[in-house]
Amino acid sequence: MTEEHEPGTPLLLIISGPSGVGKTTITRAIGAAFEDAHISVSLTTRAKGPNEIEGVDYHFVDEDAFQRRLDEPGEAGLGAFLEHAGVYGRRYGTLREPVERGLREGRLVILEIDVQGARQVRARYPNTYAIFILPPSDDALLQRLRDRRRDPEDVIKRRFAAAQREMRDAHEGDTYDAFIVNDDLGHAIEEALRLVRQRRGAASSSTHRA
């Protein structure tokens, strides 16, 4: 069931969290709940996974194509991107133009990006609303990474170490407005929806007062 919103109240929403925490499922649930939602699809230089879909999960490009977008006219060091980052030797980036177009249209624009990308975006869009998804425990996260059966044990351990660093980094500074512990997926989705509705309502009230 989709929801309507007060027209002219755009919101840039960031969803972050470590690998295996369920952030993609939560992001898609939010996107399905709001009829005006636009989920940004990042570019990446990594190989497409067996169950991934081009243009839905990512735009899969080679290094040359990614670099060409980075070399386009735009803010120094960003080119056509709003943010970009290197992870495990692969590159990821959010194109600026679709995000800006969505905001001009008064839409809910959702970015599923990591902590370093979130910091880049918030530096440019201070009114962004950012949610970080946490696992119920380190042990639960490690088990989820194993249950996905995507990676060998050495890769799982590397991802787990990176996840621990990302969770520590997420608590530093004021990048994130809210943290949700995903100990039950249904409850986590409902909490995320509640927070987004609340933020959009506040933005709408602020717009009318102005």
N, C-alpha and C. Protein backbone atom coordinates (compact mmCIF):
# COMPACT_ATOMS: atom_id res chain seq x y z
N MET A 1 0.85 -1.20 0.00
CA MET A 1 0.00 0.00 0.00
C MET A 1 0.87 1.24 0.00
N THR A 2 0.66 2.11 -0.99
CA THR A 2 1.46 3.32 -1.07
C THR A 2 0.76 4.46 -0.36
N GLU A 3 1.55 5.46 -0.01
CA GLU A 3 1.03 6.61 0.72
C GLU A 3 1.21 7.87 -0.10
N GLU A 4 0.28 8.81 0.07
CA GLU A 4 0.44 10.12 -0.53
C GLU A 4 1.19 11.01 0.44
N HIS A 5 1.68 12.13 -0.03
CA HIS A 5 2.36 13.08 0.84
C HIS A 5 1.93 14.48 0.43
N GLU A 6 2.22 15.42 1.26
CA GLU A 6 1.94 16.82 0.94
C GLU A 6 2.83 17.23 -0.22
N PRO A 7 2.27 17.68 -1.36
CA PRO A 7 3.09 18.03 -2.51
C PRO A 7 4.08 19.15 -2.18
N GLY A 8 5.22 19.07 -2.81
CA GLY A 8 6.22 20.12 -2.64
C GLY A 8 7.06 19.97 -1.40
N THR A 9 7.09 18.77 -0.78
CA THR A 9 7.91 18.55 0.42
C THR A 9 8.94 17.46 0.13
N PRO A 10 9.98 17.78 -0.60
CA PRO A 10 10.99 16.77 -0.93
C PRO A 10 11.77 16.36 0.32
N LEU A 11 12.29 15.15 0.27
CA LEU A 11 13.16 14.68 1.35
C LEU A 11 14.24 13.79 0.75
N LEU A 12 15.47 14.10 1.10
CA LEU A 12 16.59 13.24 0.73
C LEU A 12 16.88 12.35 1.93
N LEU A 13 16.69 11.05 1.73
CA LEU A 13 16.81 10.06 2.81
C LEU A 13 17.99 9.14 2.54
N ILE A 14 18.83 8.97 3.55
CA ILE A 14 19.95 8.04 3.47
C ILE A 14 19.67 6.84 4.37
N ILE A 15 19.88 5.65 3.83
CA ILE A 15 19.83 4.42 4.61
C ILE A 15 21.22 3.78 4.54
N SER A 16 21.82 3.54 5.69
CA SER A 16 23.14 2.92 5.75
C SER A 16 23.12 1.76 6.73
N GLY A 17 24.15 0.96 6.67
CA GLY A 17 24.31 -0.15 7.60
C GLY A 17 25.32 -1.13 7.05
N PRO A 18 25.86 -1.97 7.89
CA PRO A 18 26.87 -2.93 7.44
C PRO A 18 26.27 -4.02 6.55
N SER A 19 27.12 -4.71 5.81
CA SER A 19 26.68 -5.83 4.98
C SER A 19 25.94 -6.86 5.83
N GLY A 20 24.82 -7.35 5.32
CA GLY A 20 24.09 -8.40 6.01
C GLY A 20 23.08 -7.93 7.03
N VAL A 21 22.93 -6.62 7.20
CA VAL A 21 22.04 -6.11 8.26
C VAL A 21 20.59 -5.98 7.81
N GLY A 22 20.34 -6.08 6.50
CA GLY A 22 18.97 -5.98 5.99
C GLY A 22 18.60 -4.61 5.45
N LYS A 23 19.58 -3.76 5.18
CA LYS A 23 19.26 -2.38 4.77
C LYS A 23 18.61 -2.31 3.39
N THR A 24 18.98 -3.22 2.48
CA THR A 24 18.36 -3.19 1.15
C THR A 24 16.89 -3.54 1.23
N THR A 25 16.54 -4.53 2.03
CA THR A 25 15.13 -4.89 2.22
C THR A 25 14.35 -3.73 2.82
N ILE A 26 14.93 -3.06 3.79
CA ILE A 26 14.26 -1.92 4.43
C ILE A 26 14.12 -0.76 3.45
N THR A 27 15.17 -0.50 2.67
CA THR A 27 15.12 0.56 1.66
C THR A 27 13.99 0.31 0.67
N ARG A 28 13.88 -0.92 0.18
CA ARG A 28 12.84 -1.23 -0.80
C ARG A 28 11.45 -1.17 -0.19
N ALA A 29 11.33 -1.51 1.08
CA ALA A 29 10.03 -1.41 1.75
C ALA A 29 9.61 0.05 1.86
N ILE A 30 10.53 0.94 2.16
CA ILE A 30 10.20 2.37 2.21
C ILE A 30 9.82 2.85 0.82
N GLY A 31 10.59 2.44 -0.19
CA GLY A 31 10.28 2.85 -1.56
C GLY A 31 8.90 2.40 -2.00
N ALA A 32 8.49 1.20 -1.57
CA ALA A 32 7.18 0.69 -1.95
C ALA A 32 6.04 1.39 -1.20
N ALA A 33 6.34 1.95 -0.04
CA ALA A 33 5.30 2.55 0.81
C ALA A 33 4.91 3.96 0.37
N PHE A 34 5.79 4.63 -0.36
CA PHE A 34 5.54 6.02 -0.76
C PHE A 34 5.46 6.09 -2.28
N GLU A 35 4.32 6.56 -2.78
CA GLU A 35 4.12 6.56 -4.23
C GLU A 35 5.06 7.49 -4.98
N ASP A 36 5.61 8.48 -4.30
CA ASP A 36 6.51 9.43 -4.96
C ASP A 36 7.98 9.10 -4.71
N ALA A 37 8.27 7.92 -4.15
CA ALA A 37 9.66 7.59 -3.80
C ALA A 37 10.48 7.29 -5.04
N HIS A 38 11.73 7.71 -4.98
CA HIS A 38 12.71 7.37 -6.01
C HIS A 38 13.93 6.79 -5.31
N ILE A 39 14.22 5.51 -5.55
CA ILE A 39 15.40 4.88 -4.97
C ILE A 39 16.56 5.05 -5.94
N SER A 40 17.57 5.75 -5.50
CA SER A 40 18.74 5.98 -6.34
C SER A 40 19.48 4.67 -6.58
N VAL A 41 19.94 4.46 -7.81
CA VAL A 41 20.70 3.27 -8.17
C VAL A 41 22.15 3.69 -8.42
N SER A 42 23.05 3.19 -7.61
CA SER A 42 24.45 3.58 -7.69
C SER A 42 25.16 2.91 -8.86
N LEU A 43 26.23 3.55 -9.31
CA LEU A 43 27.16 2.94 -10.24
C LEU A 43 28.20 2.16 -9.44
N THR A 44 28.65 1.04 -9.96
CA THR A 44 29.74 0.31 -9.33
C THR A 44 30.60 -0.37 -10.39
N THR A 45 31.87 -0.53 -10.05
CA THR A 45 32.79 -1.24 -10.94
C THR A 45 32.92 -2.71 -10.58
N ARG A 46 32.23 -3.16 -9.56
CA ARG A 46 32.33 -4.59 -9.21
C ARG A 46 31.48 -5.42 -10.16
N ALA A 47 31.77 -6.71 -10.19
CA ALA A 47 31.03 -7.62 -11.07
C ALA A 47 29.61 -7.83 -10.56
N LYS A 48 28.69 -8.06 -11.47
CA LYS A 48 27.30 -8.31 -11.12
C LYS A 48 27.17 -9.68 -10.48
N GLY A 49 26.45 -9.75 -9.37
CA GLY A 49 26.20 -11.02 -8.70
C GLY A 49 25.17 -11.84 -9.46
N PRO A 50 25.09 -13.13 -9.16
CA PRO A 50 24.20 -14.03 -9.92
C PRO A 50 22.72 -13.67 -9.84
N ASN A 51 22.28 -13.07 -8.75
CA ASN A 51 20.86 -12.74 -8.60
C ASN A 51 20.59 -11.24 -8.72
N GLU A 52 21.60 -10.48 -9.14
CA GLU A 52 21.43 -9.03 -9.24
C GLU A 52 20.95 -8.63 -10.63
N ILE A 53 20.24 -7.50 -10.68
CA ILE A 53 19.65 -7.01 -11.92
C ILE A 53 20.24 -5.64 -12.25
N GLU A 54 20.74 -5.50 -13.46
CA GLU A 54 21.26 -4.22 -13.93
C GLU A 54 20.16 -3.16 -13.88
N GLY A 55 20.49 -2.01 -13.28
CA GLY A 55 19.54 -0.92 -13.20
C GLY A 55 18.59 -0.99 -12.02
N VAL A 56 18.61 -2.11 -11.30
CA VAL A 56 17.79 -2.27 -10.10
C VAL A 56 18.68 -2.31 -8.87
N ASP A 57 19.64 -3.25 -8.87
CA ASP A 57 20.57 -3.33 -7.75
C ASP A 57 21.68 -2.28 -7.90
N TYR A 58 22.27 -2.22 -9.07
CA TYR A 58 23.32 -1.25 -9.41
C TYR A 58 23.31 -1.04 -10.91
N HIS A 59 24.02 0.01 -11.34
CA HIS A 59 24.45 0.13 -12.72
C HIS A 59 25.89 -0.39 -12.75
N PHE A 60 26.11 -1.50 -13.41
CA PHE A 60 27.43 -2.13 -13.42
C PHE A 60 28.23 -1.59 -14.60
N VAL A 61 29.37 -0.96 -14.30
CA VAL A 61 30.19 -0.33 -15.33
C VAL A 61 31.65 -0.74 -15.12
N ASP A 62 32.47 -0.53 -16.16
CA ASP A 62 33.89 -0.81 -16.00
C ASP A 62 34.62 0.42 -15.46
N GLU A 63 35.89 0.26 -15.18
CA GLU A 63 36.68 1.35 -14.59
C GLU A 63 36.70 2.57 -15.50
N ASP A 64 36.82 2.37 -16.79
CA ASP A 64 36.88 3.50 -17.72
C ASP A 64 35.59 4.30 -17.72
N ALA A 65 34.46 3.60 -17.71
CA ALA A 65 33.16 4.30 -17.71
C ALA A 65 32.97 5.08 -16.42
N PHE A 66 33.37 4.48 -15.30
CA PHE A 66 33.25 5.18 -14.02
C PHE A 66 34.13 6.43 -14.02
N GLN A 67 35.35 6.29 -14.52
CA GLN A 67 36.27 7.43 -14.53
C GLN A 67 35.77 8.54 -15.43
N ARG A 68 35.13 8.19 -16.55
CA ARG A 68 34.59 9.22 -17.44
C ARG A 68 33.54 10.05 -16.73
N ARG A 69 32.68 9.42 -15.92
CA ARG A 69 31.68 10.18 -15.17
C ARG A 69 32.35 11.06 -14.12
N LEU A 70 33.45 10.56 -13.56
CA LEU A 70 34.18 11.33 -12.56
C LEU A 70 34.88 12.53 -13.19
N ASP A 71 35.24 12.42 -14.47
CA ASP A 71 35.95 13.48 -15.17
C ASP A 71 35.02 14.51 -15.80
N GLU A 72 33.71 14.28 -15.74
CA GLU A 72 32.76 15.25 -16.31
C GLU A 72 32.79 16.56 -15.52
N PRO A 73 32.36 17.67 -16.15
CA PRO A 73 32.31 18.94 -15.42
C PRO A 73 31.42 18.83 -14.19
N GLY A 74 31.84 19.45 -13.13
CA GLY A 74 31.09 19.40 -11.87
C GLY A 74 31.98 19.86 -10.74
N GLU A 75 31.54 19.61 -9.54
CA GLU A 75 32.34 19.98 -8.38
C GLU A 75 33.66 19.25 -8.41
N ALA A 76 34.73 19.93 -8.03
CA ALA A 76 36.07 19.34 -8.08
C ALA A 76 36.12 18.01 -7.34
N GLY A 77 36.62 17.00 -8.03
CA GLY A 77 36.77 15.69 -7.42
C GLY A 77 35.54 14.83 -7.47
N LEU A 78 34.41 15.39 -7.95
CA LEU A 78 33.16 14.63 -7.97
C LEU A 78 32.62 14.41 -9.38
N GLY A 79 32.89 15.31 -10.30
CA GLY A 79 32.37 15.17 -11.64
C GLY A 79 30.86 15.08 -11.65
N ALA A 80 30.32 14.00 -12.24
CA ALA A 80 28.88 13.81 -12.33
C ALA A 80 28.28 13.22 -11.06
N PHE A 81 29.13 12.93 -10.07
CA PHE A 81 28.66 12.25 -8.87
C PHE A 81 28.29 13.21 -7.74
N LEU A 82 27.33 12.78 -6.95
CA LEU A 82 27.01 13.45 -5.70
C LEU A 82 27.97 12.98 -4.61
N GLU A 83 28.31 11.70 -4.66
CA GLU A 83 29.28 11.10 -3.75
C GLU A 83 29.87 9.87 -4.42
N HIS A 84 31.08 9.51 -4.02
CA HIS A 84 31.66 8.26 -4.51
C HIS A 84 32.68 7.77 -3.49
N ALA A 85 32.94 6.48 -3.53
CA ALA A 85 33.84 5.88 -2.55
C ALA A 85 34.44 4.60 -3.12
N GLY A 86 35.56 4.20 -2.54
CA GLY A 86 36.18 2.93 -2.88
C GLY A 86 35.98 1.94 -1.75
N VAL A 87 35.53 0.73 -2.07
CA VAL A 87 35.29 -0.31 -1.07
C VAL A 87 35.82 -1.63 -1.61
N TYR A 88 36.75 -2.26 -0.87
CA TYR A 88 37.33 -3.54 -1.29
C TYR A 88 37.91 -3.49 -2.70
N GLY A 89 38.49 -2.35 -3.05
CA GLY A 89 39.11 -2.22 -4.36
C GLY A 89 38.14 -1.95 -5.50
N ARG A 90 36.84 -1.82 -5.19
CA ARG A 90 35.84 -1.47 -6.20
C ARG A 90 35.33 -0.07 -5.93
N ARG A 91 34.77 0.57 -6.95
CA ARG A 91 34.29 1.93 -6.80
C ARG A 91 32.77 1.97 -6.88
N TYR A 92 32.20 2.86 -6.08
CA TYR A 92 30.75 3.04 -6.03
C TYR A 92 30.48 4.54 -6.09
N GLY A 93 29.38 4.92 -6.72
CA GLY A 93 29.06 6.34 -6.77
C GLY A 93 27.58 6.60 -7.06
N THR A 94 27.09 7.72 -6.54
CA THR A 94 25.71 8.16 -6.76
C THR A 94 25.72 9.33 -7.74
N LEU A 95 25.03 9.18 -8.86
CA LEU A 95 24.97 10.27 -9.83
C LEU A 95 24.13 11.42 -9.28
N ARG A 96 24.62 12.63 -9.47
CA ARG A 96 23.99 13.82 -8.89
C ARG A 96 22.67 14.19 -9.57
N GLU A 97 22.61 14.11 -10.90
CA GLU A 97 21.46 14.65 -11.62
C GLU A 97 20.14 13.98 -11.28
N PRO A 98 20.04 12.64 -11.22
CA PRO A 98 18.75 12.03 -10.85
C PRO A 98 18.29 12.41 -9.44
N VAL A 99 19.24 12.58 -8.53
CA VAL A 99 18.90 12.98 -7.16
C VAL A 99 18.34 14.40 -7.15
N GLU A 100 19.03 15.32 -7.82
CA GLU A 100 18.58 16.71 -7.85
C GLU A 100 17.24 16.84 -8.56
N ARG A 101 17.04 16.05 -9.63
CA ARG A 101 15.76 16.10 -10.34
C ARG A 101 14.62 15.63 -9.44
N GLY A 102 14.84 14.54 -8.70
CA GLY A 102 13.82 14.04 -7.79
C GLY A 102 13.45 15.05 -6.72
N LEU A 103 14.45 15.73 -6.19
CA LEU A 103 14.18 16.74 -5.16
C LEU A 103 13.43 17.94 -5.75
N ARG A 104 13.77 18.33 -6.96
CA ARG A 104 13.04 19.43 -7.61
C ARG A 104 11.57 19.06 -7.81
N GLU A 105 11.30 17.78 -8.02
CA GLU A 105 9.93 17.31 -8.24
C GLU A 105 9.17 17.08 -6.93
N GLY A 106 9.83 17.36 -5.80
CA GLY A 106 9.17 17.21 -4.52
C GLY A 106 9.06 15.78 -4.04
N ARG A 107 9.97 14.92 -4.47
CA ARG A 107 9.87 13.49 -4.18
C ARG A 107 10.70 13.08 -2.96
N LEU A 108 10.43 11.88 -2.49
CA LEU A 108 11.26 11.22 -1.49
C LEU A 108 12.36 10.49 -2.25
N VAL A 109 13.58 10.97 -2.12
CA VAL A 109 14.72 10.37 -2.83
C VAL A 109 15.55 9.59 -1.82
N ILE A 110 15.74 8.30 -2.07
CA ILE A 110 16.39 7.41 -1.11
C ILE A 110 17.74 6.96 -1.64
N LEU A 111 18.77 7.17 -0.82
CA LEU A 111 20.12 6.72 -1.14
C LEU A 111 20.51 5.62 -0.16
N GLU A 112 20.93 4.49 -0.67
CA GLU A 112 21.48 3.43 0.18
C GLU A 112 22.99 3.44 0.00
N ILE A 113 23.67 4.12 0.92
CA ILE A 113 25.10 4.35 0.78
C ILE A 113 25.81 4.14 2.12
N ASP A 114 27.14 4.09 2.07
CA ASP A 114 27.90 3.84 3.30
C ASP A 114 28.18 5.12 4.06
N VAL A 115 28.91 4.99 5.15
CA VAL A 115 29.14 6.13 6.04
C VAL A 115 29.91 7.24 5.34
N GLN A 116 30.97 6.87 4.61
CA GLN A 116 31.76 7.93 3.96
C GLN A 116 30.93 8.65 2.90
N GLY A 117 30.08 7.93 2.19
CA GLY A 117 29.20 8.58 1.22
C GLY A 117 28.17 9.46 1.90
N ALA A 118 27.63 9.01 3.04
CA ALA A 118 26.65 9.79 3.78
C ALA A 118 27.24 11.12 4.23
N ARG A 119 28.49 11.09 4.66
CA ARG A 119 29.13 12.33 5.10
C ARG A 119 29.31 13.30 3.94
N GLN A 120 29.64 12.78 2.77
CA GLN A 120 29.78 13.66 1.60
C GLN A 120 28.45 14.30 1.24
N VAL A 121 27.37 13.50 1.28
CA VAL A 121 26.05 14.02 0.92
C VAL A 121 25.58 15.06 1.93
N ARG A 122 25.75 14.78 3.22
CA ARG A 122 25.28 15.72 4.25
C ARG A 122 26.04 17.04 4.20
N ALA A 123 27.28 16.99 3.75
CA ALA A 123 28.04 18.24 3.62
C ALA A 123 27.42 19.14 2.56
N ARG A 124 26.76 18.55 1.57
CA ARG A 124 26.16 19.32 0.48
C ARG A 124 24.67 19.56 0.69
N TYR A 125 24.03 18.64 1.40
CA TYR A 125 22.59 18.75 1.67
C TYR A 125 22.36 18.60 3.17
N PRO A 126 22.51 19.67 3.93
CA PRO A 126 22.40 19.58 5.40
C PRO A 126 21.04 19.10 5.89
N ASN A 127 19.99 19.26 5.09
CA ASN A 127 18.65 18.85 5.52
C ASN A 127 18.34 17.38 5.22
N THR A 128 19.34 16.66 4.76
CA THR A 128 19.18 15.23 4.55
C THR A 128 18.80 14.55 5.86
N TYR A 129 17.98 13.50 5.77
CA TYR A 129 17.63 12.69 6.94
C TYR A 129 18.31 11.34 6.77
N ALA A 130 19.09 10.92 7.76
CA ALA A 130 19.91 9.72 7.63
C ALA A 130 19.62 8.72 8.74
N ILE A 131 19.40 7.47 8.34
CA ILE A 131 19.11 6.38 9.27
C ILE A 131 20.18 5.30 9.10
N PHE A 132 20.70 4.81 10.22
CA PHE A 132 21.68 3.73 10.19
C PHE A 132 21.04 2.49 10.79
N ILE A 133 21.16 1.37 10.07
CA ILE A 133 20.58 0.10 10.52
C ILE A 133 21.66 -0.72 11.23
N LEU A 134 21.34 -1.16 12.44
CA LEU A 134 22.28 -1.94 13.25
C LEU A 134 21.79 -3.37 13.43
N PRO A 135 22.70 -4.33 13.56
CA PRO A 135 22.30 -5.69 13.92
C PRO A 135 22.03 -5.77 15.41
N PRO A 136 21.31 -6.80 15.87
CA PRO A 136 21.08 -6.92 17.32
C PRO A 136 22.35 -7.21 18.10
N SER A 137 23.35 -7.81 17.44
CA SER A 137 24.62 -8.10 18.10
C SER A 137 25.66 -8.40 17.03
N ASP A 138 26.94 -8.37 17.42
CA ASP A 138 28.00 -8.75 16.49
C ASP A 138 27.85 -10.21 16.05
N ASP A 139 27.51 -11.08 16.98
CA ASP A 139 27.35 -12.50 16.66
C ASP A 139 26.23 -12.71 15.64
N ALA A 140 25.14 -11.97 15.80
CA ALA A 140 24.02 -12.10 14.87
C ALA A 140 24.43 -11.64 13.47
N LEU A 141 25.21 -10.55 13.39
CA LEU A 141 25.66 -10.07 12.09
C LEU A 141 26.58 -11.09 11.42
N LEU A 142 27.51 -11.64 12.17
CA LEU A 142 28.42 -12.63 11.61
C LEU A 142 27.64 -13.83 11.08
N GLN A 143 26.63 -14.26 11.83
CA GLN A 143 25.83 -15.40 11.37
C GLN A 143 25.05 -15.06 10.11
N ARG A 144 24.54 -13.83 10.02
CA ARG A 144 23.80 -13.42 8.82
C ARG A 144 24.72 -13.43 7.60
N LEU A 145 25.95 -12.97 7.78
CA LEU A 145 26.91 -12.98 6.66
C LEU A 145 27.18 -14.41 6.21
N ARG A 146 27.27 -15.33 7.14
CA ARG A 146 27.49 -16.73 6.79
C ARG A 146 26.26 -17.35 6.14
N ASP A 147 25.08 -16.98 6.64
CA ASP A 147 23.84 -17.55 6.13
C ASP A 147 23.56 -17.15 4.68
N ARG A 148 24.13 -16.03 4.23
CA ARG A 148 23.92 -15.61 2.84
C ARG A 148 24.59 -16.56 1.85
N ARG A 149 25.62 -17.29 2.30
CA ARG A 149 26.35 -18.28 1.49
C ARG A 149 26.85 -17.69 0.18
N ARG A 150 27.33 -16.44 0.26
CA ARG A 150 27.84 -15.78 -0.93
C ARG A 150 29.37 -15.81 -1.00
N ASP A 151 30.02 -15.85 0.16
CA ASP A 151 31.46 -15.63 0.21
C ASP A 151 32.17 -16.73 0.98
N PRO A 152 33.44 -16.97 0.65
CA PRO A 152 34.25 -17.88 1.48
C PRO A 152 34.51 -17.26 2.85
N GLU A 153 34.96 -18.07 3.79
CA GLU A 153 35.12 -17.63 5.18
C GLU A 153 36.06 -16.45 5.32
N ASP A 154 37.15 -16.42 4.54
CA ASP A 154 38.10 -15.31 4.68
C ASP A 154 37.47 -13.99 4.26
N VAL A 155 36.61 -14.03 3.24
CA VAL A 155 35.91 -12.81 2.80
C VAL A 155 34.87 -12.40 3.84
N ILE A 156 34.19 -13.38 4.42
CA ILE A 156 33.20 -13.09 5.47
C ILE A 156 33.87 -12.40 6.65
N LYS A 157 35.03 -12.89 7.05
CA LYS A 157 35.73 -12.27 8.18
C LYS A 157 36.18 -10.85 7.85
N ARG A 158 36.58 -10.64 6.60
CA ARG A 158 36.98 -9.29 6.19
C ARG A 158 35.77 -8.34 6.19
N ARG A 159 34.64 -8.84 5.70
CA ARG A 159 33.42 -8.03 5.70
C ARG A 159 32.96 -7.73 7.14
N PHE A 160 33.12 -8.71 8.00
CA PHE A 160 32.71 -8.53 9.39
C PHE A 160 33.57 -7.48 10.07
N ALA A 161 34.89 -7.52 9.84
CA ALA A 161 35.78 -6.51 10.41
C ALA A 161 35.43 -5.12 9.88
N ALA A 162 35.14 -5.03 8.57
CA ALA A 162 34.76 -3.75 7.98
C ALA A 162 33.43 -3.26 8.57
N ALA A 163 32.51 -4.19 8.81
CA ALA A 163 31.21 -3.82 9.40
C ALA A 163 31.38 -3.24 10.79
N GLN A 164 32.26 -3.83 11.57
CA GLN A 164 32.51 -3.31 12.91
C GLN A 164 33.08 -1.90 12.87
N ARG A 165 34.00 -1.66 11.92
CA ARG A 165 34.55 -0.31 11.77
C ARG A 165 33.47 0.68 11.35
N GLU A 166 32.61 0.26 10.41
CA GLU A 166 31.57 1.15 9.92
C GLU A 166 30.58 1.51 11.03
N MET A 167 30.24 0.53 11.87
CA MET A 167 29.32 0.82 12.96
C MET A 167 29.93 1.80 13.96
N ARG A 168 31.23 1.66 14.22
CA ARG A 168 31.90 2.63 15.11
C ARG A 168 31.90 4.01 14.47
N ASP A 169 32.22 4.07 13.18
CA ASP A 169 32.28 5.36 12.48
C ASP A 169 30.91 6.04 12.46
N ALA A 170 29.85 5.24 12.34
CA ALA A 170 28.51 5.81 12.23
C ALA A 170 28.11 6.57 13.49
N HIS A 171 28.66 6.18 14.62
CA HIS A 171 28.31 6.84 15.89
C HIS A 171 29.15 8.09 16.15
N GLU A 172 30.13 8.35 15.29
CA GLU A 172 30.97 9.54 15.48
C GLU A 172 30.33 10.73 14.76
N GLY A 173 30.29 11.86 15.42
CA GLY A 173 29.73 13.06 14.82
C GLY A 173 28.21 13.00 14.75
N ASP A 174 27.64 13.78 13.83
CA ASP A 174 26.18 13.89 13.74
C ASP A 174 25.68 13.53 12.34
N THR A 175 26.36 12.57 11.70
CA THR A 175 25.95 12.17 10.35
C THR A 175 24.56 11.56 10.35
N TYR A 176 24.24 10.76 11.37
CA TYR A 176 22.97 10.01 11.39
C TYR A 176 22.00 10.59 12.41
N ASP A 177 20.74 10.70 11.96
CA ASP A 177 19.68 11.24 12.81
C ASP A 177 19.04 10.15 13.66
N ALA A 178 19.09 8.92 13.20
CA ALA A 178 18.41 7.83 13.91
C ALA A 178 19.14 6.52 13.66
N PHE A 179 19.05 5.63 14.65
CA PHE A 179 19.61 4.28 14.56
C PHE A 179 18.48 3.30 14.83
N ILE A 180 18.38 2.27 14.00
CA ILE A 180 17.36 1.24 14.16
C ILE A 180 18.06 -0.11 14.31
N VAL A 181 17.75 -0.83 15.36
CA VAL A 181 18.29 -2.18 15.54
C VAL A 181 17.35 -3.17 14.84
N ASN A 182 17.89 -3.89 13.87
CA ASN A 182 17.08 -4.84 13.11
C ASN A 182 17.14 -6.21 13.77
N ASP A 183 16.42 -6.35 14.89
CA ASP A 183 16.29 -7.67 15.52
C ASP A 183 15.04 -8.39 15.04
N ASP A 184 14.14 -7.65 14.40
CA ASP A 184 12.95 -8.21 13.77
C ASP A 184 12.67 -7.34 12.55
N LEU A 185 12.72 -7.96 11.36
CA LEU A 185 12.65 -7.17 10.13
C LEU A 185 11.35 -6.38 10.02
N GLY A 186 10.23 -6.99 10.36
CA GLY A 186 8.96 -6.27 10.28
C GLY A 186 8.92 -5.06 11.17
N HIS A 187 9.42 -5.20 12.39
CA HIS A 187 9.45 -4.07 13.32
C HIS A 187 10.41 -2.99 12.83
N ALA A 188 11.56 -3.41 12.27
CA ALA A 188 12.53 -2.44 11.77
C ALA A 188 11.94 -1.63 10.61
N ILE A 189 11.22 -2.29 9.73
CA ILE A 189 10.58 -1.58 8.61
C ILE A 189 9.54 -0.59 9.14
N GLU A 190 8.72 -1.02 10.09
CA GLU A 190 7.70 -0.13 10.64
C GLU A 190 8.33 1.09 11.32
N GLU A 191 9.44 0.88 12.03
CA GLU A 191 10.11 2.00 12.68
C GLU A 191 10.69 2.96 11.65
N ALA A 192 11.28 2.42 10.59
CA ALA A 192 11.81 3.27 9.54
C ALA A 192 10.69 4.09 8.88
N LEU A 193 9.56 3.45 8.61
CA LEU A 193 8.43 4.17 8.01
C LEU A 193 7.91 5.24 8.94
N ARG A 194 7.84 4.94 10.22
CA ARG A 194 7.37 5.93 11.19
C ARG A 194 8.27 7.16 11.19
N LEU A 195 9.58 6.93 11.18
CA LEU A 195 10.53 8.04 11.18
C LEU A 195 10.44 8.88 9.92
N VAL A 196 10.27 8.22 8.77
CA VAL A 196 10.18 8.95 7.51
C VAL A 196 8.88 9.77 7.46
N ARG A 197 7.77 9.15 7.87
CA ARG A 197 6.51 9.91 7.91
C ARG A 197 6.64 11.13 8.82
N GLN A 198 7.26 10.93 9.96
CA GLN A 198 7.42 12.02 10.93
C GLN A 198 8.27 13.13 10.33
N ARG A 199 9.37 12.77 9.66
CA ARG A 199 10.25 13.78 9.09
C ARG A 199 9.57 14.53 7.94
N ARG A 200 8.84 13.81 7.11
CA ARG A 200 8.17 14.48 6.00
C ARG A 200 7.06 15.40 6.50
N GLY A 201 6.39 14.98 7.56
CA GLY A 201 5.38 15.84 8.16
C GLY A 201 5.97 17.11 8.71
N ALA A 202 7.15 16.99 9.34
CA ALA A 202 7.83 18.17 9.88
C ALA A 202 8.28 19.08 8.75
N ALA A 203 8.77 18.47 7.66
CA ALA A 203 9.22 19.28 6.51
C ALA A 203 8.05 20.01 5.88
N SER A 204 6.89 19.32 5.80
CA SER A 204 5.71 19.95 5.23
C SER A 204 5.25 21.12 6.08
N SER A 205 5.24 20.95 7.40
CA SER A 205 4.83 22.02 8.31
C SER A 205 5.76 23.21 8.20
N SER A 206 7.06 22.92 8.08
CA SER A 206 8.04 23.99 7.97
C SER A 206 7.84 24.77 6.67
N THR A 207 7.54 24.04 5.58
CA THR A 207 7.31 24.69 4.29
C THR A 207 6.10 25.61 4.35
N HIS A 208 5.01 25.15 4.99
CA HIS A 208 3.80 25.97 5.07
C HIS A 208 4.02 27.20 5.94
N ARG A 209 4.80 27.04 7.01
CA ARG A 209 5.07 28.21 7.88
C ARG A 209 5.90 29.25 7.14
N ALA A 210 6.81 28.75 6.29
CA ALA A 210 7.64 29.69 5.53
C ALA A 210 6.79 30.43 4.51
